[in-house]
N, C-alpha and C. Protein backbone atom coordinates (compact mmCIF):
# COMPACT_ATOMS: atom_id res chain seq x y z
N MET A 1 129.46 72.17 -144.52
CA MET A 1 128.18 71.95 -144.84
C MET A 1 127.97 72.02 -146.94
N THR A 2 127.30 71.10 -147.08
CA THR A 2 127.32 71.36 -148.73
C THR A 2 126.15 72.14 -149.06
N ALA A 3 126.01 72.80 -150.42
CA ALA A 3 125.32 73.55 -150.63
C ALA A 3 123.77 73.27 -150.65
N THR A 4 123.86 72.09 -149.96
CA THR A 4 122.32 71.45 -150.76
C THR A 4 122.12 70.84 -148.80
N THR A 5 122.75 71.07 -147.76
CA THR A 5 122.35 70.72 -146.91
C THR A 5 121.79 71.92 -146.09
N LYS A 6 120.65 71.93 -145.23
CA LYS A 6 120.33 73.14 -144.84
C LYS A 6 120.75 72.53 -143.16
N PRO A 7 120.44 74.00 -141.95
CA PRO A 7 120.82 73.76 -141.01
C PRO A 7 120.19 72.60 -140.14
N ASP A 8 118.62 72.61 -140.54
CA ASP A 8 117.92 71.79 -139.41
C ASP A 8 117.73 70.32 -140.33
N GLU A 9 118.90 69.89 -141.44
CA GLU A 9 119.29 68.95 -141.86
C GLU A 9 119.64 68.12 -140.79
N LEU A 10 120.78 69.09 -140.20
CA LEU A 10 121.75 68.48 -139.35
C LEU A 10 121.45 67.80 -138.24
N THR A 11 120.33 67.90 -137.53
CA THR A 11 119.42 67.76 -136.30
C THR A 11 119.63 66.17 -136.13
N GLY A 12 120.14 65.35 -134.86
CA GLY A 12 119.95 63.86 -135.00
C GLY A 12 121.26 63.75 -133.92
N ASP A 13 121.25 62.80 -133.47
CA ASP A 13 122.19 61.84 -132.41
C ASP A 13 123.63 61.51 -133.66
N TYR A 14 124.50 61.70 -133.13
CA TYR A 14 125.61 60.69 -134.25
C TYR A 14 126.48 60.41 -132.58
N VAL A 15 127.62 59.40 -134.04
CA VAL A 15 128.41 58.38 -132.90
C VAL A 15 129.94 58.88 -133.82
N LEU A 16 131.45 59.09 -133.37
CA LEU A 16 131.89 59.36 -133.77
C LEU A 16 132.61 57.95 -134.56
N ASP A 17 133.24 58.40 -135.82
CA ASP A 17 133.77 57.42 -136.97
C ASP A 17 135.46 57.58 -136.59
N THR A 18 135.55 56.84 -135.59
CA THR A 18 136.96 56.65 -134.94
C THR A 18 137.76 56.09 -135.65
N ALA A 19 137.59 55.59 -137.25
CA ALA A 19 138.36 55.47 -138.07
C ALA A 19 138.51 56.55 -138.99
N ARG A 20 137.62 58.02 -138.99
CA ARG A 20 138.22 58.92 -139.78
C ARG A 20 138.54 60.02 -139.03
N THR A 21 138.51 59.85 -137.58
CA THR A 21 138.47 60.93 -136.40
C THR A 21 139.55 61.13 -136.03
N ARG A 22 140.51 62.29 -135.92
CA ARG A 22 141.59 62.80 -135.52
C ARG A 22 141.86 63.42 -134.25
N ILE A 23 142.25 62.80 -133.03
CA ILE A 23 142.71 63.52 -131.86
C ILE A 23 144.03 63.91 -131.90
N GLY A 24 144.35 65.05 -132.06
CA GLY A 24 146.04 64.93 -131.89
C GLY A 24 146.45 66.45 -131.11
N PHE A 25 147.78 66.63 -130.65
CA PHE A 25 148.01 67.72 -130.10
C PHE A 25 149.86 67.97 -130.43
N VAL A 26 149.94 69.31 -130.01
CA VAL A 26 151.31 69.47 -130.17
C VAL A 26 151.75 70.61 -129.16
N ALA A 27 152.95 70.24 -128.90
CA ALA A 27 153.88 70.99 -127.41
C ALA A 27 154.64 71.26 -128.17
N ARG A 28 155.54 72.16 -127.29
CA ARG A 28 156.91 73.03 -127.54
C ARG A 28 158.05 71.82 -126.55
N HIS A 29 158.75 72.05 -127.45
CA HIS A 29 159.92 71.24 -126.44
C HIS A 29 161.20 72.50 -127.06
N THR A 30 162.16 72.50 -125.80
CA THR A 30 162.89 73.54 -126.03
C THR A 30 163.90 73.03 -127.07
N MET A 31 164.53 71.63 -127.18
CA MET A 31 165.83 71.07 -127.59
C MET A 31 165.19 70.59 -129.03
N ALA A 32 163.76 69.93 -128.90
CA ALA A 32 163.37 69.20 -130.02
C ALA A 32 162.23 69.99 -131.20
N GLY A 33 162.22 71.11 -130.42
CA GLY A 33 160.95 71.99 -131.97
C GLY A 33 159.93 71.70 -131.05
N ARG A 34 158.97 71.38 -131.66
CA ARG A 34 157.69 70.56 -131.99
C ARG A 34 157.25 69.28 -131.90
N VAL A 35 156.89 68.71 -130.32
CA VAL A 35 156.19 67.45 -130.37
C VAL A 35 155.21 67.45 -130.78
N ARG A 36 154.86 66.35 -131.67
CA ARG A 36 152.93 66.47 -132.34
C ARG A 36 153.10 64.73 -131.80
N GLY A 37 151.74 64.49 -131.55
CA GLY A 37 151.00 63.13 -131.25
C GLY A 37 149.60 62.94 -131.33
N ARG A 38 149.16 62.37 -131.16
CA ARG A 38 147.86 61.87 -131.68
C ARG A 38 147.05 60.77 -130.75
N PHE A 39 146.25 60.50 -130.34
CA PHE A 39 145.27 59.58 -129.70
C PHE A 39 144.26 58.32 -130.40
N ASP A 40 145.00 57.24 -130.15
CA ASP A 40 144.60 56.16 -131.17
C ASP A 40 143.13 55.59 -130.72
N GLU A 41 142.59 55.51 -129.19
CA GLU A 41 141.74 54.90 -128.69
C GLU A 41 140.62 56.18 -127.73
N PHE A 42 139.30 56.06 -128.76
CA PHE A 42 138.34 57.17 -127.85
C PHE A 42 137.34 56.58 -128.62
N GLU A 43 136.26 57.09 -127.82
CA GLU A 43 134.98 57.13 -128.33
C GLU A 43 134.24 58.77 -128.00
N GLY A 44 133.03 58.79 -129.29
CA GLY A 44 132.31 60.08 -128.74
C GLY A 44 131.09 60.02 -129.29
N SER A 45 130.08 61.02 -128.82
CA SER A 45 128.94 61.10 -129.50
C SER A 45 128.35 62.47 -129.03
N ALA A 46 127.24 63.23 -130.38
CA ALA A 46 126.87 64.16 -130.23
C ALA A 46 125.54 64.22 -130.70
N HIS A 47 124.84 65.70 -129.71
CA HIS A 47 123.71 65.44 -130.25
C HIS A 47 123.59 66.90 -130.91
N LEU A 48 123.37 67.31 -132.37
CA LEU A 48 123.34 68.31 -132.87
C LEU A 48 122.01 68.86 -133.03
N ASP A 49 121.70 70.00 -132.95
CA ASP A 49 120.25 70.61 -133.23
C ASP A 49 120.49 71.51 -134.04
N GLY A 50 119.99 71.50 -135.41
CA GLY A 50 120.08 72.19 -136.54
C GLY A 50 119.55 73.77 -136.54
N ASP A 51 118.54 73.54 -135.70
CA ASP A 51 117.35 74.37 -135.14
C ASP A 51 118.20 75.47 -134.23
N ASP A 52 118.62 75.32 -133.31
CA ASP A 52 119.33 75.94 -132.22
C ASP A 52 120.70 75.43 -131.38
N PRO A 53 121.50 75.31 -132.44
CA PRO A 53 122.94 75.14 -131.79
C PRO A 53 123.26 75.06 -130.86
N SER A 54 122.64 76.16 -129.94
CA SER A 54 122.51 75.90 -128.44
C SER A 54 122.25 74.92 -127.73
N ARG A 55 121.44 73.67 -128.13
CA ARG A 55 120.81 72.81 -127.54
C ARG A 55 121.48 71.60 -127.73
N SER A 56 122.73 71.59 -128.70
CA SER A 56 123.54 70.44 -129.03
C SER A 56 124.57 70.18 -128.02
N SER A 57 125.00 69.20 -127.79
CA SER A 57 125.80 68.82 -127.12
C SER A 57 126.69 67.55 -127.17
N ALA A 58 127.76 67.13 -126.76
CA ALA A 58 129.06 66.47 -127.25
C ALA A 58 129.65 66.16 -126.04
N GLU A 59 130.10 64.72 -125.96
CA GLU A 59 130.91 63.93 -125.21
C GLU A 59 132.04 63.16 -126.09
N LEU A 60 133.47 63.07 -125.08
CA LEU A 60 134.25 62.18 -125.73
C LEU A 60 134.92 61.77 -124.68
N THR A 61 135.19 61.02 -124.62
CA THR A 61 136.27 59.56 -123.69
C THR A 61 137.30 59.21 -124.54
N ILE A 62 138.75 59.58 -124.17
CA ILE A 62 140.13 59.32 -124.79
C ILE A 62 140.74 58.37 -123.87
N GLN A 63 141.45 57.15 -124.02
CA GLN A 63 142.05 56.28 -123.15
C GLN A 63 143.67 56.91 -123.41
N ALA A 64 144.02 57.31 -122.29
CA ALA A 64 145.44 58.04 -121.70
C ALA A 64 146.71 56.94 -122.73
N ARG A 65 146.10 55.46 -122.29
CA ARG A 65 147.31 54.40 -123.20
C ARG A 65 147.46 54.93 -124.45
N SER A 66 146.10 55.22 -125.20
CA SER A 66 146.83 55.48 -126.36
C SER A 66 147.27 56.41 -127.15
N ILE A 67 148.17 57.16 -126.56
CA ILE A 67 149.01 58.55 -127.20
C ILE A 67 149.96 58.11 -127.50
N GLN A 68 150.31 58.50 -128.93
CA GLN A 68 151.30 58.30 -129.80
C GLN A 68 152.05 59.58 -130.23
N THR A 69 153.63 59.30 -129.85
CA THR A 69 154.03 60.40 -130.69
C THR A 69 155.46 59.93 -131.45
N ARG A 70 155.19 58.34 -131.66
CA ARG A 70 156.43 58.11 -132.51
C ARG A 70 157.58 57.84 -132.04
N ASN A 71 157.81 57.75 -130.78
CA ASN A 71 158.91 57.73 -129.88
C ASN A 71 158.31 56.89 -129.10
N GLN A 72 158.94 55.32 -128.56
CA GLN A 72 158.28 54.65 -127.91
C GLN A 72 158.89 55.09 -126.16
N ARG A 73 159.81 55.74 -125.90
CA ARG A 73 160.46 56.02 -124.46
C ARG A 73 159.45 57.11 -124.52
N ARG A 74 159.33 58.44 -125.05
CA ARG A 74 158.53 59.13 -124.78
C ARG A 74 157.08 58.69 -124.24
N ASP A 75 156.60 57.86 -124.98
CA ASP A 75 154.97 57.73 -125.24
C ASP A 75 155.01 57.30 -123.84
N GLU A 76 156.09 56.15 -123.42
CA GLU A 76 156.03 55.29 -122.29
C GLU A 76 155.65 56.40 -121.07
N GLN A 77 156.80 57.14 -121.10
CA GLN A 77 157.06 58.84 -120.10
C GLN A 77 155.48 59.12 -120.03
N LEU A 78 155.22 59.80 -121.07
CA LEU A 78 153.56 60.33 -121.23
C LEU A 78 152.57 59.81 -120.47
N ARG A 79 152.52 58.33 -120.75
CA ARG A 79 151.52 57.82 -120.17
C ARG A 79 151.76 57.33 -118.96
N ASP A 80 153.00 57.33 -118.78
CA ASP A 80 153.15 57.24 -116.68
C ASP A 80 153.28 58.85 -115.99
N ARG A 81 154.06 59.14 -116.34
CA ARG A 81 154.50 60.31 -115.18
C ARG A 81 154.06 61.60 -115.79
N PHE A 82 153.29 61.43 -116.86
CA PHE A 82 152.73 62.91 -117.05
C PHE A 82 151.09 62.57 -117.06
N LEU A 83 150.63 61.88 -117.58
CA LEU A 83 148.87 61.41 -117.77
C LEU A 83 148.51 60.39 -116.49
N ALA A 84 149.64 60.16 -115.89
CA ALA A 84 149.23 58.47 -114.83
C ALA A 84 148.28 58.07 -114.98
N MET A 85 148.35 57.63 -116.30
CA MET A 85 147.11 56.58 -116.95
C MET A 85 146.93 55.28 -115.98
N ASP A 86 147.51 54.84 -114.83
CA ASP A 86 147.69 53.72 -114.23
C ASP A 86 145.93 54.04 -113.17
N ASP A 87 146.28 55.74 -112.30
CA ASP A 87 145.04 56.54 -111.63
C ASP A 87 144.06 57.35 -112.38
N HIS A 88 144.65 56.91 -113.66
CA HIS A 88 143.64 58.08 -114.36
C HIS A 88 143.73 57.78 -115.99
N PRO A 89 143.19 56.12 -116.05
CA PRO A 89 142.87 55.61 -117.46
C PRO A 89 142.47 56.79 -118.33
N SER A 90 141.44 57.54 -118.33
CA SER A 90 140.53 58.67 -119.69
C SER A 90 140.77 59.70 -119.40
N ILE A 91 141.08 60.48 -120.04
CA ILE A 91 140.70 62.09 -120.29
C ILE A 91 139.26 62.27 -121.20
N VAL A 92 138.44 62.99 -120.53
CA VAL A 92 137.30 63.12 -120.66
C VAL A 92 136.74 64.51 -120.79
N PHE A 93 135.90 65.11 -122.02
CA PHE A 93 135.38 66.29 -122.07
C PHE A 93 133.44 66.01 -122.52
N THR A 94 133.36 67.03 -121.69
CA THR A 94 131.24 67.06 -121.83
C THR A 94 131.21 68.31 -121.82
N SER A 95 130.81 68.19 -123.19
CA SER A 95 130.04 69.95 -123.39
C SER A 95 129.13 70.43 -122.37
N ILE A 96 129.39 71.42 -121.98
CA ILE A 96 127.70 72.41 -121.34
C ILE A 96 127.22 73.40 -121.95
N GLY A 97 128.21 73.71 -123.52
CA GLY A 97 127.51 74.67 -124.18
C GLY A 97 127.87 74.74 -125.57
N VAL A 98 126.76 74.92 -126.27
CA VAL A 98 127.20 75.46 -127.43
C VAL A 98 126.56 76.81 -128.32
N GLU A 99 128.17 77.23 -128.57
CA GLU A 99 127.70 79.09 -129.12
C GLU A 99 127.59 78.89 -130.58
N PRO A 100 126.61 79.39 -131.82
CA PRO A 100 127.35 79.62 -132.89
C PRO A 100 128.07 80.97 -132.94
N VAL A 101 128.58 81.23 -133.78
CA VAL A 101 129.97 82.45 -133.70
C VAL A 101 129.50 82.80 -135.28
N GLY A 102 129.13 81.56 -136.23
CA GLY A 102 129.07 82.17 -137.75
C GLY A 102 128.35 81.09 -138.40
N GLU A 103 128.07 81.55 -139.50
CA GLU A 103 127.29 80.13 -140.13
C GLU A 103 127.89 78.61 -140.09
N THR A 104 129.28 78.21 -140.10
CA THR A 104 129.10 77.07 -140.08
C THR A 104 130.54 77.24 -138.66
N THR A 105 130.51 78.29 -137.88
CA THR A 105 131.53 78.17 -136.83
C THR A 105 130.58 78.17 -135.59
N PHE A 106 131.37 77.85 -134.55
CA PHE A 106 130.80 77.41 -133.04
C PHE A 106 131.81 77.42 -132.16
N LYS A 107 131.71 77.95 -130.99
CA LYS A 107 132.32 77.81 -129.99
C LYS A 107 131.62 76.71 -128.66
N VAL A 108 132.43 75.85 -128.63
CA VAL A 108 131.72 74.73 -127.61
C VAL A 108 132.40 74.45 -126.43
N THR A 109 131.78 75.28 -125.30
CA THR A 109 132.63 74.89 -124.04
C THR A 109 132.13 73.73 -123.19
N GLY A 110 133.20 73.05 -122.68
CA GLY A 110 132.73 72.12 -121.61
C GLY A 110 133.63 71.77 -120.61
N ASP A 111 133.33 70.35 -119.84
CA ASP A 111 134.39 70.30 -118.73
C ASP A 111 135.46 69.32 -119.23
N LEU A 112 137.04 69.99 -119.14
CA LEU A 112 137.82 68.83 -119.57
C LEU A 112 138.48 68.40 -118.31
N THR A 113 138.32 66.81 -118.31
CA THR A 113 138.79 66.01 -117.03
C THR A 113 140.30 65.53 -117.60
N ILE A 114 141.24 65.68 -117.09
CA ILE A 114 143.10 65.09 -117.20
C ILE A 114 143.35 64.85 -115.83
N ARG A 115 143.87 63.67 -115.66
CA ARG A 115 144.65 63.34 -114.62
C ARG A 115 143.54 63.53 -113.21
N GLY A 116 142.59 63.59 -113.04
CA GLY A 116 141.39 63.76 -112.09
C GLY A 116 141.00 65.13 -111.86
N VAL A 117 141.86 66.05 -112.55
CA VAL A 117 141.37 67.33 -112.45
C VAL A 117 139.99 67.66 -113.72
N THR A 118 139.59 68.76 -112.92
CA THR A 118 138.25 69.36 -114.28
C THR A 118 138.12 70.48 -114.07
N ARG A 119 138.33 70.87 -115.53
CA ARG A 119 138.57 72.72 -115.75
C ARG A 119 137.42 72.84 -117.30
N PRO A 120 137.20 74.01 -117.17
CA PRO A 120 136.36 74.20 -118.26
C PRO A 120 137.47 74.89 -119.62
N VAL A 121 137.01 74.32 -120.89
CA VAL A 121 137.88 74.78 -121.77
C VAL A 121 136.74 75.22 -122.70
N THR A 122 136.88 75.68 -123.78
CA THR A 122 136.00 76.40 -124.97
C THR A 122 136.95 75.93 -126.18
N VAL A 123 136.24 75.23 -127.28
CA VAL A 123 136.98 74.58 -128.64
C VAL A 123 136.49 75.23 -129.24
N ASP A 124 137.21 75.91 -130.29
CA ASP A 124 136.33 76.60 -131.23
C ASP A 124 136.34 75.12 -132.45
N PHE A 125 135.37 74.92 -133.44
CA PHE A 125 134.90 74.38 -134.19
C PHE A 125 134.46 75.05 -135.55
N GLU A 126 134.86 74.55 -136.84
CA GLU A 126 134.13 74.68 -137.98
C GLU A 126 133.24 73.30 -138.63
N LEU A 127 132.38 73.70 -138.95
CA LEU A 127 131.38 72.47 -139.85
C LEU A 127 132.51 72.50 -141.31
N THR A 128 132.78 71.46 -141.44
CA THR A 128 133.40 71.18 -142.99
C THR A 128 133.13 70.47 -143.78
N GLY A 129 132.24 70.09 -143.70
CA GLY A 129 130.79 69.11 -144.35
C GLY A 129 130.06 68.37 -143.68
N ALA A 130 129.24 68.21 -144.65
CA ALA A 130 127.93 67.48 -144.26
C ALA A 130 127.16 66.77 -145.65
N GLY A 131 126.86 65.45 -145.01
CA GLY A 131 125.97 65.26 -146.34
C GLY A 131 125.98 63.44 -146.41
N ASN A 132 125.28 62.85 -147.03
CA ASN A 132 125.23 61.27 -147.30
C ASN A 132 126.24 60.97 -147.87
N ASP A 133 126.93 59.46 -147.10
CA ASP A 133 128.18 58.99 -147.90
C ASP A 133 128.11 57.92 -149.01
N PRO A 134 128.18 56.84 -149.82
CA PRO A 134 127.63 56.25 -150.60
C PRO A 134 126.71 55.40 -149.92
N SER A 135 127.15 54.67 -148.82
CA SER A 135 126.31 53.71 -148.11
C SER A 135 124.69 54.35 -148.13
N GLY A 136 124.70 55.88 -147.80
CA GLY A 136 123.37 56.06 -147.44
C GLY A 136 123.40 56.80 -146.03
N ASP A 137 124.54 56.41 -145.29
CA ASP A 137 125.02 57.25 -143.98
C ASP A 137 124.92 58.71 -144.13
N PHE A 138 124.17 59.76 -142.81
CA PHE A 138 124.14 61.31 -142.95
C PHE A 138 125.26 61.22 -142.26
N ARG A 139 126.47 61.88 -142.42
CA ARG A 139 127.97 62.73 -141.56
C ARG A 139 128.03 63.80 -141.82
N VAL A 140 128.63 64.37 -140.70
CA VAL A 140 129.11 65.68 -140.64
C VAL A 140 130.61 65.68 -140.24
N ALA A 141 131.44 66.56 -140.26
CA ALA A 141 132.96 66.81 -140.31
C ALA A 141 132.98 68.43 -139.38
N PHE A 142 133.59 68.20 -139.10
CA PHE A 142 134.15 69.58 -137.84
C PHE A 142 135.52 69.04 -137.74
N GLU A 143 135.91 70.55 -138.02
CA GLU A 143 137.57 70.88 -137.37
C GLU A 143 137.74 71.40 -136.33
N GLY A 144 138.75 71.27 -135.26
CA GLY A 144 138.50 72.35 -134.12
C GLY A 144 139.60 72.45 -133.67
N GLY A 145 140.10 73.22 -132.27
CA GLY A 145 141.52 73.41 -131.51
C GLY A 145 140.89 74.18 -130.27
N VAL A 146 141.84 74.42 -129.59
CA VAL A 146 142.31 75.11 -128.26
C VAL A 146 143.29 74.68 -127.72
N THR A 147 144.12 75.96 -127.45
CA THR A 147 145.19 75.36 -126.47
C THR A 147 144.95 75.59 -124.98
N VAL A 148 145.44 74.44 -123.94
CA VAL A 148 145.79 74.59 -122.98
C VAL A 148 146.88 75.02 -122.21
N ASN A 149 146.49 75.05 -121.05
CA ASN A 149 147.84 75.33 -120.03
C ASN A 149 148.15 73.78 -119.52
N ARG A 150 149.16 72.78 -119.78
CA ARG A 150 148.96 71.72 -119.42
C ARG A 150 149.42 71.59 -117.58
N GLY A 151 149.63 72.52 -117.17
CA GLY A 151 150.03 72.86 -115.80
C GLY A 151 148.58 72.30 -114.82
N ASP A 152 147.56 73.43 -115.56
CA ASP A 152 146.90 73.65 -115.07
C ASP A 152 145.62 72.00 -114.78
N TRP A 153 146.25 71.24 -115.17
CA TRP A 153 145.70 69.60 -115.03
C TRP A 153 147.03 68.73 -114.11
N GLY A 154 147.92 69.70 -113.58
CA GLY A 154 149.12 68.57 -113.22
C GLY A 154 149.71 67.61 -114.22
N VAL A 155 149.80 68.39 -115.18
CA VAL A 155 150.52 67.38 -116.68
C VAL A 155 151.73 67.89 -116.41
N ASN A 156 152.73 67.41 -115.54
CA ASN A 156 153.89 67.57 -115.82
C ASN A 156 154.73 65.87 -114.83
N TRP A 157 156.05 65.75 -115.06
CA TRP A 157 156.85 64.94 -114.39
C TRP A 157 157.70 65.60 -113.48
N ASN A 158 158.50 66.51 -113.58
CA ASN A 158 159.66 67.15 -112.72
C ASN A 158 159.87 68.51 -112.87
N ALA A 159 160.55 69.04 -112.24
CA ALA A 159 161.15 70.72 -112.12
C ALA A 159 161.47 70.92 -113.75
N ALA A 160 162.57 69.77 -113.99
CA ALA A 160 163.12 69.31 -115.65
C ALA A 160 162.27 70.07 -116.62
N THR A 161 161.24 69.02 -116.34
CA THR A 161 160.26 68.94 -117.84
C THR A 161 159.28 70.03 -117.92
N ALA A 162 159.67 70.51 -116.18
CA ALA A 162 158.50 72.14 -116.51
C ALA A 162 159.10 72.87 -117.38
N PHE A 163 160.70 72.89 -117.59
CA PHE A 163 161.63 73.86 -118.23
C PHE A 163 161.41 73.59 -119.55
N LEU A 164 161.89 72.44 -119.74
CA LEU A 164 162.01 71.71 -120.92
C LEU A 164 160.73 71.50 -122.33
N VAL A 165 159.83 71.31 -121.58
CA VAL A 165 158.59 71.18 -122.37
C VAL A 165 157.54 72.42 -122.02
N GLY A 166 156.77 72.92 -123.08
CA GLY A 166 156.53 74.16 -123.34
C GLY A 166 154.87 74.12 -121.81
N GLU A 167 154.47 74.82 -121.27
CA GLU A 167 153.22 74.91 -120.74
C GLU A 167 152.13 74.76 -121.89
N ARG A 168 152.14 75.44 -122.92
CA ARG A 168 151.04 75.43 -123.60
C ARG A 168 150.80 74.23 -124.75
N VAL A 169 149.68 73.65 -124.55
CA VAL A 169 149.48 72.45 -125.49
C VAL A 169 148.17 72.62 -126.13
N VAL A 170 148.53 72.25 -128.05
CA VAL A 170 147.46 72.79 -128.71
C VAL A 170 146.72 71.20 -128.67
N LEU A 171 145.22 71.53 -128.53
CA LEU A 171 144.30 69.84 -128.94
C LEU A 171 144.27 69.93 -130.26
N GLU A 172 143.67 69.80 -130.84
CA GLU A 172 143.57 69.29 -132.24
C GLU A 172 142.59 68.27 -132.59
N PHE A 173 141.54 68.72 -133.21
CA PHE A 173 140.10 67.69 -133.63
C PHE A 173 139.81 67.84 -134.76
N ASP A 174 140.13 66.66 -135.50
CA ASP A 174 139.43 66.46 -136.97
C ASP A 174 138.80 65.22 -136.52
N VAL A 175 137.37 65.60 -136.95
CA VAL A 175 136.00 64.64 -136.30
C VAL A 175 134.74 64.23 -137.88
N ALA A 176 134.93 62.80 -137.82
CA ALA A 176 134.02 62.46 -138.40
C ALA A 176 133.04 62.00 -137.56
N ALA A 177 131.54 62.40 -137.96
CA ALA A 177 130.72 61.88 -136.99
C ALA A 177 129.43 61.12 -137.89
N ILE A 178 128.72 60.02 -137.83
CA ILE A 178 127.72 59.74 -138.05
C ILE A 178 126.25 60.07 -137.69
N ARG A 179 125.86 60.08 -138.36
CA ARG A 179 123.86 59.90 -137.59
C ARG A 179 123.63 58.74 -137.39
N ARG A 180 123.02 58.62 -135.92
CA ARG A 180 122.19 57.30 -135.30
C ARG A 180 120.49 57.20 -135.58
N SER A 181 120.36 58.87 -135.36
CA SER A 181 119.13 59.15 -135.33
C SER A 181 118.75 60.44 -135.78
């Protein structure tokens, strides 16, 4: 938040600025160290209530086919065998609660659906910026992350990959959103 932005000024409906948002992940691989990747196709929206953050909400839909790790063979395996994108083309997060834990930090709890399996997760977010851009649009920026166990969603290929690829995956969010109303 900028020094001149007050919490009530954040209230409104927002859409993700997909050109300035990054949704990434980090997984351990026993032979290759860490594997970092991102998703290039997604859309999302949020309602922020600056007076009562617990009344805020967010939705995010990620296209599984857009996964990128800078290795074409690995990306194809992730799309087909790990994410089963033909049967489950989207990864979806829908918030069910927002809890302020500090002046600019929040816990956003929601349902994460991967491969048709829905489980609750809580993502830690920090408001890193808010204000008008040069064209006059009001924007907010958040950074956040959560560590999940990919096995909880059945994200695996076979017994060998269960051993070679760590179960814990860090999901990373660097979010920019534009207020629409």
